[in-house]
């Protein structure tokens, strides 16, 4: 999705409220037949997505993420609570709320017999965008489909269809863009170009909400992250604060002479020898200083040759909070 030397997409509307998305006590209960008990997909969720943020919405399969997104998009009727997009309540003003949001879905749901130009023109018409205000060619150029504007969608590759979905979500110039696992199954080049484009949109003021099962993407891109599990929010904060919750680090120290049986004082301090003959030390930064650990190593008769520290990553936090795998889903 090469966007160099191409027209810029218009920035989000000014004077937005503090939160792009605000949920209070949001609930969704799915009724089932044949006497089966109902399924409570969302259990009174409170969540605020600040305007202008790059927000990660993470959770295991069945956590409730897609239900939440579909409620905001007007595809699922909530069972209770309230939801607002850019200060617009989705029940009181459903059309205004939908105009404030653009969703890039997981599924490649395109009409095979429409061209990209026809797809965007039709979508713009659904949102009531007057012909003179439509940016069809601009958007197609921005997502690298200018030369495919009049090709049938069925002739596009999977990556090109994914780009078209991005353009389709932007036809009505929404201040909030939701990406529901947009890079699932796409190649590395497309993934990189998609994120570069989204970062540019975010820099111009748009709020980006991302769900992904590539946790390294969320860790690299998002400034704020919420983790939901079994229909409840188990964590929501700035990414840096969430990572500090773990309060764990690992120090790997290369020493001479090569360690054999470790002295008792080092073993009691949690020092282990790894397969490469280095000292591996797990510690809590809030309780232990690195200098004290190194002093203990030197006091045991070792000379420090090199050292490396390893921080916990988002995947570790995710597993700690959910106790489940890293795949995300509905």
Protein backbone atom coordinates (compact mmCIF):
# COMPACT_ATOMS: atom_id res chain seq x y z
CA UNK A 1 0.00 0.00 0.00
CA UNK A 2 2.46 2.58 -1.22
CA UNK A 3 1.06 6.05 -0.49
CA UNK A 4 4.09 8.18 -1.40
CA UNK A 5 3.36 11.19 -3.56
CA UNK A 6 -0.35 10.48 -3.39
CA UNK A 7 -3.17 12.75 -2.23
CA UNK A 8 -3.65 12.93 1.50
CA UNK A 9 -6.91 11.79 3.00
CA UNK A 10 -8.83 14.53 4.83
CA UNK A 11 -8.23 14.75 8.53
CA UNK A 12 -10.82 13.91 11.14
CA UNK A 13 -13.37 16.52 12.10
CA UNK A 14 -12.28 19.03 14.76
CA UNK A 15 -13.92 19.76 18.10
CA UNK A 16 -14.49 16.13 19.04
CA UNK A 17 -15.33 15.13 22.62
CA UNK A 18 -12.69 13.66 24.90
CA UNK A 19 -13.68 10.08 24.10
CA UNK A 20 -14.17 8.67 20.62
CA UNK A 21 -15.99 5.65 22.05
CA UNK A 22 -17.64 5.49 25.47
CA UNK A 23 -19.38 2.41 26.82
CA UNK A 24 -21.23 2.24 30.14
CA UNK A 25 -22.60 -1.03 31.46
CA UNK A 26 -22.80 -2.47 27.95
CA UNK A 27 -24.45 -5.90 27.91
CA UNK A 28 -25.36 -8.40 25.26
CA UNK A 29 -27.29 -11.62 25.92
CA UNK A 30 -27.85 -14.14 23.14
CA UNK A 31 -31.00 -16.19 23.63
CA UNK A 32 -30.81 -19.81 22.53
CA UNK A 33 -33.49 -22.31 21.59
CA UNK A 34 -34.38 -25.78 22.85
CA UNK A 35 -34.24 -24.81 26.49
CA UNK A 36 -30.53 -23.98 26.43
CA UNK A 37 -29.39 -21.24 28.82
CA UNK A 38 -28.69 -17.80 27.34
CA UNK A 39 -25.14 -16.71 26.60
CA UNK A 40 -24.02 -13.40 28.11
CA UNK A 41 -21.41 -12.20 25.62
CA UNK A 42 -20.88 -8.79 27.25
CA UNK A 43 -21.29 -8.42 31.01
CA UNK A 44 -21.68 -4.72 31.75
CA UNK A 45 -18.61 -3.35 30.01
CA UNK A 46 -17.33 0.12 30.90
CA UNK A 47 -14.78 1.38 28.40
CA UNK A 48 -13.50 4.72 27.12
CA UNK A 49 -11.40 5.15 23.99
CA UNK A 50 -9.78 8.62 23.94
CA UNK A 51 -10.04 10.65 20.76
CA UNK A 52 -6.89 10.48 18.68
CA UNK A 53 -5.59 7.30 20.30
CA UNK A 54 -4.32 4.16 18.62
CA UNK A 55 -6.27 1.75 20.79
CA UNK A 56 -5.75 -2.01 21.04
CA UNK A 57 -8.78 -4.15 21.90
CA UNK A 58 -7.48 -7.62 22.73
CA UNK A 59 -8.95 -10.82 24.03
CA UNK A 60 -9.12 -14.59 23.45
CA UNK A 61 -11.63 -16.30 21.20
CA UNK A 62 -15.12 -15.78 22.56
CA UNK A 63 -14.12 -12.79 24.69
CA UNK A 64 -16.77 -10.52 23.14
CA UNK A 65 -14.71 -8.20 20.95
CA UNK A 66 -16.60 -8.72 17.71
CA UNK A 67 -19.93 -8.47 19.52
CA UNK A 68 -18.83 -5.12 20.88
CA UNK A 69 -17.74 -3.91 17.44
CA UNK A 70 -20.96 -5.08 15.80
CA UNK A 71 -23.01 -3.21 18.40
CA UNK A 72 -21.15 0.01 17.58
CA UNK A 73 -21.60 -0.62 13.85
CA UNK A 74 -25.35 -1.14 14.27
CA UNK A 75 -25.24 -4.81 13.28
CA UNK A 76 -26.11 -6.21 16.72
CA UNK A 77 -28.70 -4.85 19.17
CA UNK A 78 -27.36 -4.48 22.68
CA UNK A 79 -29.23 -5.91 25.67
CA UNK A 80 -28.41 -3.14 28.12
CA UNK A 81 -26.19 -0.21 28.98
CA UNK A 82 -25.21 2.67 26.72
CA UNK A 83 -22.75 3.28 23.91
CA UNK A 84 -21.68 6.49 22.22
CA UNK A 85 -19.40 7.25 19.28
CA UNK A 86 -17.86 10.73 19.32
CA UNK A 87 -20.46 11.76 21.90
CA UNK A 88 -23.40 10.46 19.79
CA UNK A 89 -25.58 7.87 21.51
CA UNK A 90 -26.10 4.86 19.21
CA UNK A 91 -29.75 4.49 20.30
CA UNK A 92 -30.86 8.11 20.19
CA UNK A 93 -29.07 9.01 16.95
CA UNK A 94 -28.16 5.73 15.22
CA UNK A 95 -27.44 7.25 11.82
CA UNK A 96 -25.16 9.94 13.20
CA UNK A 97 -23.34 7.37 15.31
CA UNK A 98 -22.76 5.10 12.30
CA UNK A 99 -21.46 7.99 10.24
CA UNK A 100 -18.82 8.60 12.89
CA UNK A 101 -17.36 5.12 12.55
CA UNK A 102 -15.76 3.09 9.76
CA UNK A 103 -15.23 -0.64 10.22
CA UNK A 104 -12.71 -2.77 8.35
CA UNK A 105 -14.07 -6.30 8.94
CA UNK A 106 -12.19 -9.57 9.08
CA UNK A 107 -14.19 -11.08 6.21
CA UNK A 108 -13.49 -10.05 2.62
CA UNK A 109 -17.16 -9.18 2.04
CA UNK A 110 -17.08 -7.55 -1.39
CA UNK A 111 -19.41 -7.91 -4.37
CA UNK A 112 -17.37 -9.88 -6.90
CA UNK A 113 -19.05 -8.10 -9.83
CA UNK A 114 -18.42 -4.55 -8.61
CA UNK A 115 -15.26 -2.69 -9.51
CA UNK A 116 -13.38 -0.85 -6.74
CA UNK A 117 -14.73 2.44 -8.08
CA UNK A 118 -18.30 1.15 -8.07
CA UNK A 119 -17.83 -0.32 -4.60
CA UNK A 120 -16.76 3.01 -3.14
CA UNK A 121 -19.40 4.99 -5.01
CA UNK A 122 -22.13 2.63 -3.80
CA UNK A 123 -20.85 2.79 -0.20
CA UNK A 124 -20.69 6.59 -0.33
CA UNK A 125 -24.28 6.63 -1.55
CA UNK A 126 -25.38 4.47 1.38
CA UNK A 127 -23.90 7.07 3.73
CA UNK A 128 -25.52 9.94 1.87
CA UNK A 129 -22.27 11.51 0.70
CA UNK A 130 -23.15 13.93 -2.12
CA UNK A 131 -21.40 13.17 -5.44
CA UNK A 132 -19.41 16.43 -5.33
CA UNK A 133 -17.99 15.50 -1.91
CA UNK A 134 -16.95 11.94 -2.75
CA UNK A 135 -13.25 11.09 -2.74
CA UNK A 136 -13.37 7.82 -4.67
CA UNK A 137 -10.28 8.32 -6.84
CA UNK A 138 -8.35 9.88 -3.97
CA UNK A 139 -9.03 6.91 -1.70
CA UNK A 140 -8.21 4.35 -4.38
CA UNK A 141 -4.91 6.09 -4.99
CA UNK A 142 -4.22 6.27 -1.25
CA UNK A 143 -4.57 2.50 -0.83
CA UNK A 144 -2.64 1.67 -4.00
CA UNK A 145 -5.61 0.64 -6.17
CA UNK A 146 -5.70 3.56 -8.60
CA UNK A 147 -4.69 1.31 -11.50
CA UNK A 148 -7.34 -1.28 -10.50
CA UNK A 149 -10.24 1.17 -10.21
CA UNK A 150 -12.22 -0.44 -13.04
CA UNK A 151 -11.25 -4.09 -12.53
CA UNK A 152 -13.86 -6.46 -11.13
CA UNK A 153 -13.35 -7.22 -7.45
CA UNK A 154 -13.21 -10.94 -8.23
CA UNK A 155 -9.98 -10.35 -10.17
CA UNK A 156 -8.21 -8.70 -7.20
CA UNK A 157 -5.78 -10.56 -5.00
CA UNK A 158 -6.55 -11.08 -1.32
CA UNK A 159 -4.23 -8.21 -0.38
CA UNK A 160 -5.89 -5.87 -2.87
CA UNK A 161 -9.31 -6.76 -1.51
CA UNK A 162 -8.07 -5.99 1.99
CA UNK A 163 -6.93 -2.56 0.78
CA UNK A 164 -10.32 -1.99 -0.83
CA UNK A 165 -12.03 -2.72 2.50
CA UNK A 166 -9.88 -0.02 4.10
CA UNK A 167 -10.93 2.50 1.43
CA UNK A 168 -14.56 1.40 1.78
CA UNK A 169 -14.46 2.13 5.52
CA UNK A 170 -13.20 5.67 4.83
CA UNK A 171 -15.66 6.85 2.15
CA UNK A 172 -17.72 8.88 4.61
CA UNK A 173 -14.64 10.38 6.31
CA UNK A 174 -15.29 8.88 9.79
CA UNK A 175 -13.29 10.18 12.76
CA UNK A 176 -13.13 6.63 14.20
CA UNK A 177 -11.77 3.63 12.27
CA UNK A 178 -12.06 0.08 13.66
CA UNK A 179 -9.79 -2.60 12.25
CA UNK A 180 -11.06 -6.07 13.10
CA UNK A 181 -8.03 -8.34 12.61
CA UNK A 182 -7.10 -6.62 9.33
CA UNK A 183 -3.81 -8.47 8.78
CA UNK A 184 -5.02 -12.02 9.39
CA UNK A 185 -3.62 -14.13 6.58
CA UNK A 186 -1.91 -11.31 4.66
CA UNK A 187 1.74 -11.10 3.69
CA UNK A 188 4.42 -9.14 5.51
CA UNK A 189 4.64 -6.39 2.88
CA UNK A 190 0.92 -5.64 3.00
CA UNK A 191 0.92 -5.73 6.79
CA UNK A 192 3.74 -3.20 6.93
CA UNK A 193 2.17 -0.86 4.37
CA UNK A 194 -1.23 -1.06 6.07
CA UNK A 195 0.25 -0.04 9.40
CA UNK A 196 2.21 2.82 7.87
CA UNK A 197 -1.01 4.12 6.35
CA UNK A 198 -2.95 3.75 9.61
CA UNK A 199 -0.22 5.53 11.54
CA UNK A 200 -0.48 8.44 9.14
CA UNK A 201 -4.25 8.57 9.59
CA UNK A 202 -3.78 8.46 13.36
CA UNK A 203 -1.21 11.27 13.19
CA UNK A 204 -3.84 13.41 11.43
CA UNK A 205 -6.25 12.98 14.32
CA UNK A 206 -8.24 9.86 13.57
CA UNK A 207 -8.92 7.39 16.33
CA UNK A 208 -7.82 3.88 15.36
CA UNK A 209 -9.17 0.83 17.21
CA UNK A 210 -7.38 -2.41 16.47
CA UNK A 211 -8.19 -6.01 17.26
CA UNK A 212 -5.47 -8.49 16.34
CA UNK A 213 -4.12 -11.86 17.35
CA UNK A 214 -0.62 -10.65 16.47
CA UNK A 215 0.17 -9.25 19.89
CA UNK A 216 3.50 -7.87 18.74
CA UNK A 217 1.53 -5.58 16.38
CA UNK A 218 -0.55 -4.21 19.24
CA UNK A 219 2.56 -3.74 21.36
CA UNK A 220 4.33 -1.84 18.60
CA UNK A 221 1.41 0.29 17.38
CA UNK A 222 -0.99 1.00 20.21
CA UNK A 223 -0.60 3.68 22.86
CA UNK A 224 -3.48 2.35 24.94
CA UNK A 225 -4.73 -1.22 25.34
CA UNK A 226 -7.81 -2.92 26.76
CA UNK A 227 -7.99 -6.67 27.35
CA UNK A 228 -11.39 -8.29 27.62
CA UNK A 229 -12.09 -11.86 28.67
CA UNK A 230 -15.40 -13.68 28.98
CA UNK A 231 -17.34 -10.49 28.38
CA UNK A 232 -15.59 -8.31 30.96
CA UNK A 233 -12.72 -5.82 30.83
CA UNK A 234 -9.79 -7.28 32.78
CA UNK A 235 -7.35 -4.45 32.01
CA UNK A 236 -7.43 -1.03 30.35
CA UNK A 237 -4.64 1.51 30.55
CA UNK A 238 -1.78 3.13 28.73
CA UNK A 239 0.47 0.45 27.27
CA UNK A 240 3.48 1.44 29.37
CA UNK A 241 1.49 1.27 32.60
CA UNK A 242 0.04 -2.12 31.71
CA UNK A 243 3.50 -3.51 31.06
CA UNK A 244 4.73 -2.25 34.44
CA UNK A 245 2.04 -4.33 36.13
CA UNK A 246 4.08 -7.45 35.61
CA UNK A 247 6.98 -6.00 37.64
CA UNK A 248 9.32 -8.63 36.24
CA UNK A 249 12.62 -8.51 34.41
CA UNK A 250 15.29 -10.99 33.51
CA UNK A 251 19.03 -10.34 33.68
CA UNK A 252 21.36 -12.61 31.72
CA UNK A 253 25.01 -12.24 32.77
CA UNK A 254 28.07 -13.68 31.02
CA UNK A 255 30.84 -14.25 33.54
CA UNK A 256 34.31 -15.65 33.98
CA UNK A 257 35.26 -18.16 35.09
CA UNK A 258 32.52 -20.36 33.62
CA UNK A 259 30.14 -21.17 36.47
CA UNK A 260 29.92 -24.69 37.81
CA UNK A 261 27.93 -25.39 40.97
CA UNK A 262 26.53 -22.05 42.06
CA UNK A 263 27.21 -20.81 45.58
CA UNK A 264 24.28 -21.01 47.98
CA UNK A 265 23.91 -17.24 48.25
CA UNK A 266 23.35 -16.95 44.51
CA UNK A 267 20.87 -19.82 44.43
CA UNK A 268 18.93 -18.22 47.27
CA UNK A 269 18.84 -14.97 45.25
CA UNK A 270 17.14 -16.83 42.39
CA UNK A 271 20.22 -17.09 40.17
CA UNK A 272 20.29 -20.00 37.70
CA UNK A 273 22.81 -21.22 35.15
CA UNK A 274 21.50 -21.53 31.60
CA UNK A 275 22.52 -24.03 28.91
CA UNK A 276 25.16 -21.63 27.56
CA UNK A 277 26.89 -21.24 30.92
CA UNK A 278 25.49 -17.79 31.67
CA UNK A 279 23.81 -16.62 34.85
CA UNK A 280 20.07 -16.04 34.52
CA UNK A 281 18.45 -13.85 37.17
CA UNK A 282 14.71 -13.12 37.40
CA UNK A 283 13.85 -10.19 39.64
CA UNK A 284 11.25 -7.56 40.47
CA UNK A 285 12.44 -4.02 39.62
CA UNK A 286 10.19 -2.58 42.35
CA UNK A 287 12.04 -4.57 45.01
CA UNK A 288 15.55 -5.23 43.69
CA UNK A 289 18.23 -3.05 42.15
CA UNK A 290 20.35 -4.40 39.30
CA UNK A 291 23.51 -3.06 40.97
CA UNK A 292 22.81 -5.21 44.04
CA UNK A 293 22.46 -8.32 41.87
CA UNK A 294 25.73 -7.60 40.10
CA UNK A 295 27.47 -6.97 43.43
CA UNK A 296 26.29 -10.41 44.58
CA UNK A 297 27.68 -12.02 41.42
CA UNK A 298 31.06 -10.33 41.91
CA UNK A 299 31.10 -11.21 45.61
CA UNK A 300 30.71 -14.86 44.60
CA UNK A 301 34.02 -14.64 42.70
CA UNK A 302 32.81 -14.00 39.16
CA UNK A 303 33.83 -11.25 36.76
CA UNK A 304 31.03 -9.77 34.67
CA UNK A 305 31.89 -9.88 30.96
CA UNK A 306 28.55 -8.93 29.42
CA UNK A 307 24.91 -8.60 30.42
CA UNK A 308 21.52 -8.39 28.76
CA UNK A 309 18.16 -7.47 30.26
CA UNK A 310 14.87 -8.81 28.95
CA UNK A 311 11.53 -7.08 29.50
CA UNK A 312 8.24 -9.00 29.62
CA UNK A 313 6.14 -8.52 26.49
CA UNK A 314 2.44 -8.01 25.87
CA UNK A 315 1.92 -11.72 25.26
CA UNK A 316 3.08 -12.49 28.80
CA UNK A 317 0.72 -9.89 30.22
CA UNK A 318 -2.12 -11.24 28.07
CA UNK A 319 -1.56 -14.81 29.28
CA UNK A 320 -1.26 -13.66 32.90
CA UNK A 321 -4.57 -11.80 32.77
CA UNK A 322 -6.60 -14.27 30.72
CA UNK A 323 -4.92 -17.59 31.41
CA UNK A 324 -5.62 -18.56 27.80
CA UNK A 325 -3.94 -18.62 24.41
CA UNK A 326 -3.16 -15.56 22.34
CA UNK A 327 -5.66 -16.10 19.54
CA UNK A 328 -8.36 -13.48 19.42
CA UNK A 329 -11.86 -13.75 18.07
CA UNK A 330 -15.50 -13.18 18.74
